[in-house]
Amino acid sequence: MGKGFLPLWLSSTISNFGDGMRYVALPLLAYHISSEPVDISLVAILSSLPWILGGTFVGVLVDRVNRRIAVFVANIARVVPLTLLVIAVLTGQAQMWHVYVLAFTLPIFEAVVDTASVPLIQQAVPDKGLEKANARFYIGRILSQDVLGSPAAGFLFAFSAAAPFIIDGFTFVVAALLIFLVPPAPAPPRTGQRLLAAAKEGVRVTLSTPVLRQITLMAAVVNFMLMAGAAILVIYAKEDLRLTDPQFGMLFTVAAVGSVMGGVLAPKLVHRFGTPVVLVFSVALQGAARLLFGLADGLIAAYIAYFCAGVAAFVWHVAANAYRQRTTDNSTLGRVMATSFSLSHAAAALGAVAAGLTAELFGARPVMIGGGIGVLLCAAVSSAVLLRDKSGVAGEVTSKGAS
């Protein structure tokens, strides 16, 4: 590992601990203010809007600026809306619009940090260590965000609704300072290409390759179906499954444990069965897990479903990202990823809208069951395209996240 990897890893891991707390605390806060499904689902919709409105330009921006400065500014900027929300909570004045502002603004800066992390790893680590570095980077994110941050938020929220957000802001400050321990790298080359033209190139590359296009569409469909459930997850967990706040937080921890297992299994599965088979399998497993969650009538079944979902999600990330890296030129990979992220977030926002309206009429459980069935159908339809392709059978596997 290069000497710049450790501070980069620490910066990401610490900030993701705060993210994990917020992912649990924000919907809990929203639920305590208003338990209306439409109000709750709007939180997820607003969280996706920054990617929908400007996601395709994030990759272009990161390729043109000093990435350390970009991460520093983005992390410090995230403290501002968090501070405003903490003041509102501590003074007893918190309203849904406070939650909505935070849900919309933080993903703007989060997109910059997450996108910049990929080239920063490449700069900090020698080529022969990239696979190991990416694996450690992503596992660090999972452990800090879901194993530690999410359950801690559930317990802290029961003690003080403001506590998770205070700690979240503190992690951003520490992460911002740590990034300057990463050795500086040469400035990105200037291409002279216009912003819109550069963004369009990423879209063109994504849609012109059949399997790459299919992977992107699968990610969008799965995000639509699963976000429909995630948008009203807190309602389903509290009212249908009757989970306590700590038990709700533990759902994310169980999924994270499954993700770690998925990280161990994914390279072996890809090398044994090939990328196309693994992609179809992982999506089918996600659908089955969501269906089980929708049919669950107690804590154990819910935890089993979330564990399986964690395994499936990580296997998908590894297999899909490895295929993208093998088939996409490095000069456009960031924009290809940004294109997929943007489409997935757009689908997620639509799923959240559909979830809010459906849950208002029929309740939360049908949304969960319908999402599981929809993902299973997606796996079946996509298999016709993916299983005809043989280009993803061999090749190295990395552990960078993909959407």
Protein backbone atom coordinates (compact mmCIF):
# COMPACT_ATOMS: atom_id res chain seq x y z
CA MET A 1 0.00 0.00 0.00
CA GLY A 2 1.19 3.53 -0.72
CA LYS A 3 1.78 5.87 2.20
CA GLY A 4 -1.25 7.94 1.21
CA PHE A 5 -3.69 5.06 1.50
CA LEU A 6 -3.99 4.95 5.30
CA PRO A 7 -5.15 8.58 5.77
CA LEU A 8 -7.47 8.19 2.77
CA TRP A 9 -8.92 5.00 4.27
CA LEU A 10 -9.29 6.63 7.69
CA SER A 11 -10.98 9.70 6.20
CA SER A 12 -13.51 7.55 4.36
CA THR A 13 -14.08 5.12 7.23
CA ILE A 14 -14.65 7.85 9.82
CA SER A 15 -17.04 9.85 7.63
CA ASN A 16 -18.94 6.67 6.75
CA PHE A 17 -19.41 5.96 10.46
CA GLY A 18 -21.28 9.26 10.63
CA ASP A 19 -23.19 8.42 7.46
CA GLY A 20 -24.34 5.15 8.99
CA MET A 21 -25.71 6.99 12.00
CA ARG A 22 -27.56 9.49 9.83
CA TYR A 23 -29.07 6.81 7.57
CA VAL A 24 -30.87 5.42 10.62
CA ALA A 25 -31.45 8.62 12.60
CA LEU A 26 -32.93 10.73 9.79
CA PRO A 27 -35.87 8.41 8.95
CA LEU A 28 -36.44 7.89 12.68
CA LEU A 29 -36.60 11.64 13.21
CA ALA A 30 -38.95 11.99 10.24
CA TYR A 31 -41.17 9.23 11.64
CA HIS A 32 -41.37 10.92 15.05
CA ILE A 33 -42.40 14.17 13.35
CA SER A 34 -44.86 12.64 10.87
CA SER A 35 -45.75 8.99 10.31
CA GLU A 36 -47.52 9.68 7.00
CA PRO A 37 -46.10 7.42 4.25
CA VAL A 38 -45.92 10.24 1.69
CA ASP A 39 -44.00 12.46 4.12
CA ILE A 40 -41.54 9.68 4.92
CA SER A 41 -41.02 8.65 1.29
CA LEU A 42 -40.26 12.27 0.34
CA VAL A 43 -37.05 11.99 2.39
CA ALA A 44 -35.78 9.26 0.05
CA ILE A 45 -36.93 11.19 -3.02
CA LEU A 46 -35.03 14.32 -2.00
CA SER A 47 -31.93 12.25 -1.23
CA SER A 48 -31.88 11.05 -4.84
CA LEU A 49 -32.51 14.43 -6.50
CA PRO A 50 -28.89 15.71 -6.44
CA TRP A 51 -27.75 12.68 -8.43
CA ILE A 52 -30.69 13.01 -10.81
CA LEU A 53 -30.15 16.71 -11.44
CA GLY A 54 -26.37 16.78 -11.65
CA GLY A 55 -24.93 13.33 -11.18
CA THR A 56 -23.59 12.99 -14.73
CA PHE A 57 -21.49 16.12 -14.21
CA VAL A 58 -19.92 14.98 -10.93
CA GLY A 59 -17.45 12.67 -12.65
CA VAL A 60 -16.47 15.44 -15.05
CA LEU A 61 -15.95 17.89 -12.17
CA VAL A 62 -13.81 15.49 -10.17
CA ASP A 63 -11.60 14.90 -13.21
CA ARG A 64 -10.93 18.64 -13.53
CA VAL A 65 -10.17 19.85 -9.98
CA ASN A 66 -7.75 19.09 -7.14
CA ARG A 67 -9.40 16.03 -5.63
CA ARG A 68 -8.05 16.53 -2.10
CA ILE A 69 -9.47 20.07 -2.03
CA ALA A 70 -12.77 18.78 -3.42
CA VAL A 71 -13.08 16.20 -0.63
CA PHE A 72 -12.09 18.75 2.03
CA VAL A 73 -14.60 21.38 0.88
CA ALA A 74 -17.40 18.83 0.47
CA ASN A 75 -16.89 17.40 3.97
CA ILE A 76 -16.79 20.83 5.63
CA ALA A 77 -19.86 21.92 3.67
CA ARG A 78 -21.79 18.93 5.02
CA VAL A 79 -21.42 20.28 8.56
CA VAL A 80 -23.56 23.38 7.83
CA PRO A 81 -26.99 21.75 7.25
CA LEU A 82 -26.27 19.25 10.03
CA THR A 83 -25.66 22.11 12.47
CA LEU A 84 -28.95 23.76 11.53
CA LEU A 85 -30.85 20.51 12.09
CA VAL A 86 -29.16 19.89 15.46
CA ILE A 87 -30.18 23.36 16.65
CA ALA A 88 -33.78 22.72 15.57
CA VAL A 89 -33.87 19.35 17.36
CA LEU A 90 -32.29 20.64 20.58
CA THR A 91 -34.71 23.56 20.75
CA GLY A 92 -37.72 21.36 20.04
CA GLN A 93 -38.46 23.20 16.78
CA ALA A 94 -37.65 20.39 14.31
CA GLN A 95 -40.15 20.10 11.48
CA MET A 96 -40.31 18.01 8.34
CA TRP A 97 -38.81 20.79 6.24
CA HIS A 98 -35.64 20.61 8.37
CA VAL A 99 -35.42 16.91 7.53
CA TYR A 100 -36.06 17.60 3.85
CA VAL A 101 -33.30 20.22 3.65
CA LEU A 102 -30.77 17.82 5.14
CA ALA A 103 -31.96 14.94 2.96
CA PHE A 104 -31.39 17.06 -0.17
CA THR A 105 -28.18 18.93 0.64
CA LEU A 106 -25.95 16.21 2.10
CA PRO A 107 -26.07 13.94 -0.99
CA ILE A 108 -24.78 16.85 -3.10
CA PHE A 109 -21.49 16.86 -1.21
CA GLU A 110 -21.53 13.10 -0.63
CA ALA A 111 -21.52 12.57 -4.41
CA VAL A 112 -18.33 14.62 -4.71
CA VAL A 113 -16.58 12.72 -1.91
CA ASP A 114 -17.58 9.27 -3.17
CA THR A 115 -16.67 10.01 -6.78
CA ALA A 116 -13.32 11.59 -5.90
CA SER A 117 -12.36 8.61 -3.74
CA VAL A 118 -11.93 6.32 -6.76
CA PRO A 119 -9.14 8.30 -8.50
CA LEU A 120 -7.58 9.16 -5.12
CA ILE A 121 -7.12 5.44 -4.44
CA GLN A 122 -5.49 5.03 -7.83
CA GLN A 123 -3.08 7.87 -7.02
CA ALA A 124 -2.23 6.59 -3.53
CA VAL A 125 -1.71 2.89 -4.30
CA PRO A 126 0.62 1.10 -6.76
CA ASP A 127 -1.12 -0.77 -9.56
CA LYS A 128 -0.38 -4.19 -8.11
CA GLY A 129 -2.13 -3.27 -4.84
CA LEU A 130 -5.33 -1.76 -6.26
CA GLU A 131 -7.51 -4.84 -5.75
CA LYS A 132 -6.47 -5.23 -2.13
CA ALA A 133 -6.80 -1.49 -1.51
CA ASN A 134 -10.31 -1.32 -2.94
CA ALA A 135 -11.36 -4.36 -0.92
CA ARG A 136 -10.11 -2.78 2.30
CA PHE A 137 -11.67 0.55 1.38
CA TYR A 138 -15.12 -0.91 0.78
CA ILE A 139 -15.02 -3.30 3.74
CA GLY A 140 -14.02 -0.35 5.94
CA ARG A 141 -17.05 1.52 4.67
CA ILE A 142 -19.41 -1.38 5.36
CA LEU A 143 -18.07 -2.06 8.86
CA SER A 144 -18.01 1.57 9.97
CA GLN A 145 -21.29 2.56 8.35
CA ASP A 146 -23.51 -0.46 8.92
CA VAL A 147 -21.90 -2.62 11.61
CA LEU A 148 -21.01 0.29 13.92
CA GLY A 149 -22.75 3.49 12.83
CA SER A 150 -26.28 2.26 12.15
CA PRO A 151 -26.89 0.33 15.40
CA ALA A 152 -25.19 3.07 17.42
CA ALA A 153 -27.65 5.56 15.94
CA GLY A 154 -30.61 3.46 17.06
CA PHE A 155 -29.40 3.42 20.66
CA LEU A 156 -28.28 7.07 20.68
CA PHE A 157 -31.53 8.28 19.12
CA ALA A 158 -33.45 6.64 21.97
CA PHE A 159 -31.29 8.70 24.34
CA SER A 160 -31.19 11.96 22.38
CA ALA A 161 -32.54 12.63 18.89
CA ALA A 162 -29.76 15.17 18.26
CA ALA A 163 -26.84 12.95 19.32
CA PRO A 164 -26.41 10.97 16.05
CA PHE A 165 -26.36 14.18 14.00
CA ILE A 166 -23.83 15.85 16.31
CA ILE A 167 -21.47 12.90 15.95
CA ASP A 168 -22.09 12.82 12.20
CA GLY A 169 -20.91 16.43 11.89
CA PHE A 170 -17.83 15.73 13.99
CA THR A 171 -16.84 12.83 11.71
CA PHE A 172 -16.99 15.11 8.67
CA VAL A 173 -14.57 17.60 10.26
CA VAL A 174 -12.09 14.84 11.15
CA ALA A 175 -12.42 13.31 7.66
CA ALA A 176 -11.78 16.69 6.04
CA LEU A 177 -8.56 17.21 8.02
CA LEU A 178 -7.27 13.68 7.40
CA ILE A 179 -7.48 14.09 3.63
CA PHE A 180 -4.56 16.54 3.73
CA LEU A 181 -2.31 13.73 4.98
CA VAL A 182 -2.70 12.15 1.54
CA PRO A 183 0.34 13.19 -0.55
CA PRO A 184 -0.55 15.72 -3.27
CA ALA A 185 -0.80 14.42 -6.83
CA PRO A 186 -0.36 16.16 -10.19
CA ALA A 187 -3.33 18.22 -11.29
CA PRO A 188 -5.73 16.46 -13.68
CA PRO A 189 -4.92 17.23 -17.34
CA ARG A 190 -7.06 19.81 -19.09
CA THR A 191 -8.75 18.39 -22.18
CA GLY A 192 -10.56 21.48 -23.40
CA GLN A 193 -13.73 19.42 -23.77
CA ARG A 194 -16.91 21.22 -22.81
CA LEU A 195 -18.70 20.05 -19.67
CA LEU A 196 -21.85 18.91 -21.46
CA ALA A 197 -19.89 17.11 -24.17
CA ALA A 198 -17.80 15.27 -21.58
CA ALA A 199 -20.92 14.18 -19.69
CA LYS A 200 -22.59 13.01 -22.91
CA GLU A 201 -19.55 10.89 -23.72
CA GLY A 202 -20.06 8.93 -20.51
CA VAL A 203 -23.70 8.29 -21.41
CA ARG A 204 -22.76 7.23 -24.95
CA VAL A 205 -20.15 4.72 -23.78
CA THR A 206 -22.60 3.24 -21.27
CA LEU A 207 -25.46 2.77 -23.71
CA SER A 208 -23.44 1.63 -26.73
CA THR A 209 -22.23 -1.62 -25.12
CA PRO A 210 -25.03 -4.24 -24.85
CA VAL A 211 -23.95 -5.93 -21.61
CA LEU A 212 -22.84 -2.67 -20.01
CA ARG A 213 -26.20 -1.20 -20.95
CA GLN A 214 -28.02 -4.22 -19.49
CA ILE A 215 -26.10 -3.97 -16.22
CA THR A 216 -27.01 -0.29 -15.96
CA LEU A 217 -30.68 -0.99 -16.67
CA MET A 218 -30.73 -3.85 -14.16
CA ALA A 219 -29.29 -1.56 -11.51
CA ALA A 220 -32.00 1.01 -12.26
CA VAL A 221 -34.85 -1.52 -12.09
CA VAL A 222 -33.54 -3.06 -8.88
CA ASN A 223 -33.14 0.40 -7.35
CA PHE A 224 -36.73 1.26 -8.28
CA MET A 225 -38.10 -1.90 -6.69
CA LEU A 226 -35.91 -1.92 -3.59
CA MET A 227 -36.08 1.82 -2.92
CA ALA A 228 -39.85 1.53 -2.99
CA GLY A 229 -39.45 -0.55 0.15
CA ALA A 230 -36.55 1.42 1.61
CA ALA A 231 -38.52 4.67 1.38
CA ILE A 232 -41.12 3.36 3.82
CA LEU A 233 -38.87 0.89 5.64
CA VAL A 234 -39.20 2.70 8.95
CA ILE A 235 -43.02 2.52 8.71
CA TYR A 236 -42.98 -1.20 7.87
CA ALA A 237 -40.44 -1.94 10.60
CA LYS A 238 -42.26 0.05 13.28
CA GLU A 239 -45.89 -0.70 12.45
CA ASP A 240 -45.91 -4.12 10.75
CA LEU A 241 -42.90 -5.80 12.37
CA ARG A 242 -43.12 -3.69 15.55
CA LEU A 243 -39.36 -3.27 15.90
CA THR A 244 -37.86 -1.02 18.54
CA ASP A 245 -35.44 1.76 17.52
CA PRO A 246 -32.35 -0.36 18.37
CA GLN A 247 -33.82 -3.38 16.54
CA PHE A 248 -34.45 -1.16 13.51
CA GLY A 249 -30.82 -0.06 13.53
CA MET A 250 -29.68 -3.68 13.77
CA LEU A 251 -31.30 -4.41 10.40
CA PHE A 252 -28.48 -2.46 8.77
CA THR A 253 -25.86 -4.25 10.84
CA VAL A 254 -27.20 -7.66 9.83
CA ALA A 255 -27.11 -6.59 6.18
CA ALA A 256 -23.53 -5.39 6.66
CA VAL A 257 -22.47 -8.77 8.05
CA GLY A 258 -24.01 -10.34 4.96
CA SER A 259 -22.09 -7.86 2.80
CA VAL A 260 -18.80 -8.93 4.35
CA MET A 261 -19.63 -12.55 3.57
CA GLY A 262 -20.59 -11.50 0.05
CA GLY A 263 -17.20 -9.84 -0.28
CA VAL A 264 -15.51 -13.12 0.61
CA LEU A 265 -17.66 -15.19 -1.76
CA ALA A 266 -17.88 -12.84 -4.75
CA PRO A 267 -14.40 -13.34 -6.29
CA LYS A 268 -14.73 -17.12 -5.96
CA LEU A 269 -18.20 -17.12 -7.51
CA VAL A 270 -17.12 -14.95 -10.44
CA HIS A 271 -14.06 -17.07 -11.21
CA ARG A 272 -16.07 -20.28 -10.84
CA PHE A 273 -19.25 -19.39 -12.75
CA GLY A 274 -18.43 -16.19 -14.67
CA THR A 275 -19.75 -12.66 -14.35
CA PRO A 276 -23.07 -13.07 -16.27
CA VAL A 277 -24.25 -15.99 -14.12
CA VAL A 278 -23.22 -14.25 -10.91
CA LEU A 279 -25.01 -11.04 -11.89
CA VAL A 280 -28.27 -12.89 -12.55
CA PHE A 281 -27.89 -14.93 -9.36
CA SER A 282 -27.20 -11.89 -7.18
CA VAL A 283 -30.24 -10.01 -8.47
CA ALA A 284 -32.45 -13.08 -8.02
CA LEU A 285 -31.19 -13.44 -4.45
CA GLN A 286 -31.97 -9.78 -3.75
CA GLY A 287 -35.51 -10.33 -5.03
CA ALA A 288 -35.99 -13.45 -2.92
CA ALA A 289 -34.64 -11.64 0.15
CA ARG A 290 -37.03 -8.71 -0.30
CA LEU A 291 -39.96 -11.10 -0.82
CA LEU A 292 -39.05 -12.92 2.41
CA PHE A 293 -38.82 -9.58 4.21
CA GLY A 294 -42.27 -8.64 2.94
CA LEU A 295 -43.71 -11.93 4.19
CA ALA A 296 -41.89 -11.79 7.54
CA ASP A 297 -43.96 -11.76 10.70
CA GLY A 298 -41.16 -11.41 13.23
CA LEU A 299 -37.64 -10.29 13.98
CA ILE A 300 -35.76 -13.47 12.99
CA ALA A 301 -37.24 -13.71 9.49
CA ALA A 302 -36.56 -10.00 8.93
CA TYR A 303 -32.92 -10.38 9.96
CA ILE A 304 -32.44 -13.46 7.74
CA ALA A 305 -33.88 -11.53 4.79
CA TYR A 306 -31.59 -8.56 5.38
CA PHE A 307 -28.55 -10.83 5.78
CA CYS A 308 -29.27 -12.46 2.40
CA ALA A 309 -29.85 -9.03 0.86
CA GLY A 310 -26.44 -7.92 2.12
CA VAL A 311 -24.73 -10.95 0.58
CA ALA A 312 -26.49 -10.42 -2.75
CA ALA A 313 -25.81 -6.68 -2.91
CA PHE A 314 -22.07 -7.05 -2.33
CA VAL A 315 -21.77 -9.88 -4.87
CA TRP A 316 -23.54 -7.66 -7.41
CA HIS A 317 -21.22 -4.71 -6.67
CA VAL A 318 -18.09 -6.80 -7.16
CA ALA A 319 -19.25 -8.58 -10.32
CA ALA A 320 -20.76 -5.51 -12.04
CA ASN A 321 -17.83 -3.25 -11.20
CA ALA A 322 -15.28 -5.82 -12.35
CA TYR A 323 -17.03 -6.09 -15.70
CA ARG A 324 -17.09 -2.30 -16.10
CA GLN A 325 -13.38 -2.07 -15.33
CA ARG A 326 -12.48 -4.80 -17.82
CA THR A 327 -14.52 -3.30 -20.66
CA THR A 328 -14.30 0.48 -20.11
CA ASP A 329 -11.35 2.76 -20.80
CA ASN A 330 -10.03 4.41 -17.64
CA SER A 331 -10.46 7.88 -19.13
CA THR A 332 -14.25 7.45 -19.25
CA LEU A 333 -14.81 5.05 -16.34
CA GLY A 334 -15.73 7.82 -13.91
CA ARG A 335 -18.39 9.16 -16.23
CA VAL A 336 -19.71 5.66 -16.92
CA MET A 337 -20.09 5.15 -13.18
CA ALA A 338 -21.73 8.57 -12.81
CA THR A 339 -24.20 7.71 -15.58
CA SER A 340 -25.18 4.51 -13.80
CA PHE A 341 -25.44 6.28 -10.44
CA SER A 342 -27.66 9.00 -11.91
CA LEU A 343 -30.03 6.56 -13.61
CA SER A 344 -30.20 4.41 -10.48
CA HIS A 345 -30.99 7.40 -8.28
CA ALA A 346 -33.67 8.57 -10.71
CA ALA A 347 -35.25 5.12 -10.57
CA ALA A 348 -34.94 5.14 -6.78
CA ALA A 349 -36.78 8.46 -6.57
CA LEU A 350 -39.61 7.13 -8.74
CA GLY A 351 -39.73 4.04 -6.55
CA ALA A 352 -40.02 6.19 -3.45
CA VAL A 353 -42.93 8.12 -5.00
CA ALA A 354 -44.68 4.89 -5.94
CA ALA A 355 -44.05 3.49 -2.46
CA GLY A 356 -45.55 6.49 -0.70
CA LEU A 357 -48.70 6.43 -2.80
CA THR A 358 -49.10 2.64 -2.65
CA ALA A 359 -48.51 2.45 1.10
CA GLU A 360 -51.04 5.23 1.62
CA LEU A 361 -53.69 3.10 -0.10
CA PHE A 362 -52.74 -0.48 0.76
CA GLY A 363 -50.17 -0.36 3.55
CA ALA A 364 -46.42 -1.02 3.64
CA ARG A 365 -46.37 -4.82 3.36
CA PRO A 366 -47.69 -5.01 -0.25
CA VAL A 367 -44.91 -2.62 -1.29
CA MET A 368 -42.28 -4.99 0.13
CA ILE A 369 -43.82 -8.07 -1.48
CA GLY A 370 -44.31 -6.34 -4.83
CA GLY A 371 -40.70 -5.15 -4.81
CA GLY A 372 -39.42 -8.67 -4.28
CA ILE A 373 -41.51 -10.05 -7.12
CA GLY A 374 -40.39 -7.22 -9.41
CA VAL A 375 -36.69 -7.87 -8.77
CA LEU A 376 -37.16 -11.60 -9.41
CA LEU A 377 -38.80 -10.78 -12.76
CA CYS A 378 -35.89 -8.44 -13.57
CA ALA A 379 -33.42 -11.28 -12.99
CA ALA A 380 -35.42 -13.61 -15.23
CA VAL A 381 -35.69 -11.11 -18.11
CA SER A 382 -32.05 -9.99 -17.86
CA SER A 383 -30.76 -13.54 -17.95
CA ALA A 384 -31.71 -13.72 -21.64
CA VAL A 385 -29.16 -10.98 -22.41
CA LEU A 386 -26.43 -11.66 -19.87
CA LEU A 387 -26.18 -15.42 -20.19
CA ARG A 388 -25.48 -15.09 -23.92
CA ASP A 389 -22.37 -13.02 -23.16
CA LYS A 390 -19.05 -14.76 -22.55
CA SER A 391 -16.80 -11.73 -22.17
CA GLY A 392 -17.24 -11.44 -18.42
CA VAL A 393 -16.28 -15.02 -17.54
CA ALA A 394 -12.62 -14.33 -16.86
CA GLY A 395 -10.71 -11.40 -15.49
CA GLU A 396 -9.75 -9.91 -12.22
CA VAL A 397 -12.31 -8.84 -9.67
CA THR A 398 -12.16 -5.65 -7.66
CA SER A 399 -14.19 -4.54 -4.68
CA LYS A 400 -15.10 -1.01 -5.67
CA GLY A 401 -18.75 -0.21 -5.21
CA ALA A 402 -21.04 -0.01 -8.18
CA SER A 403 -24.59 1.04 -8.47
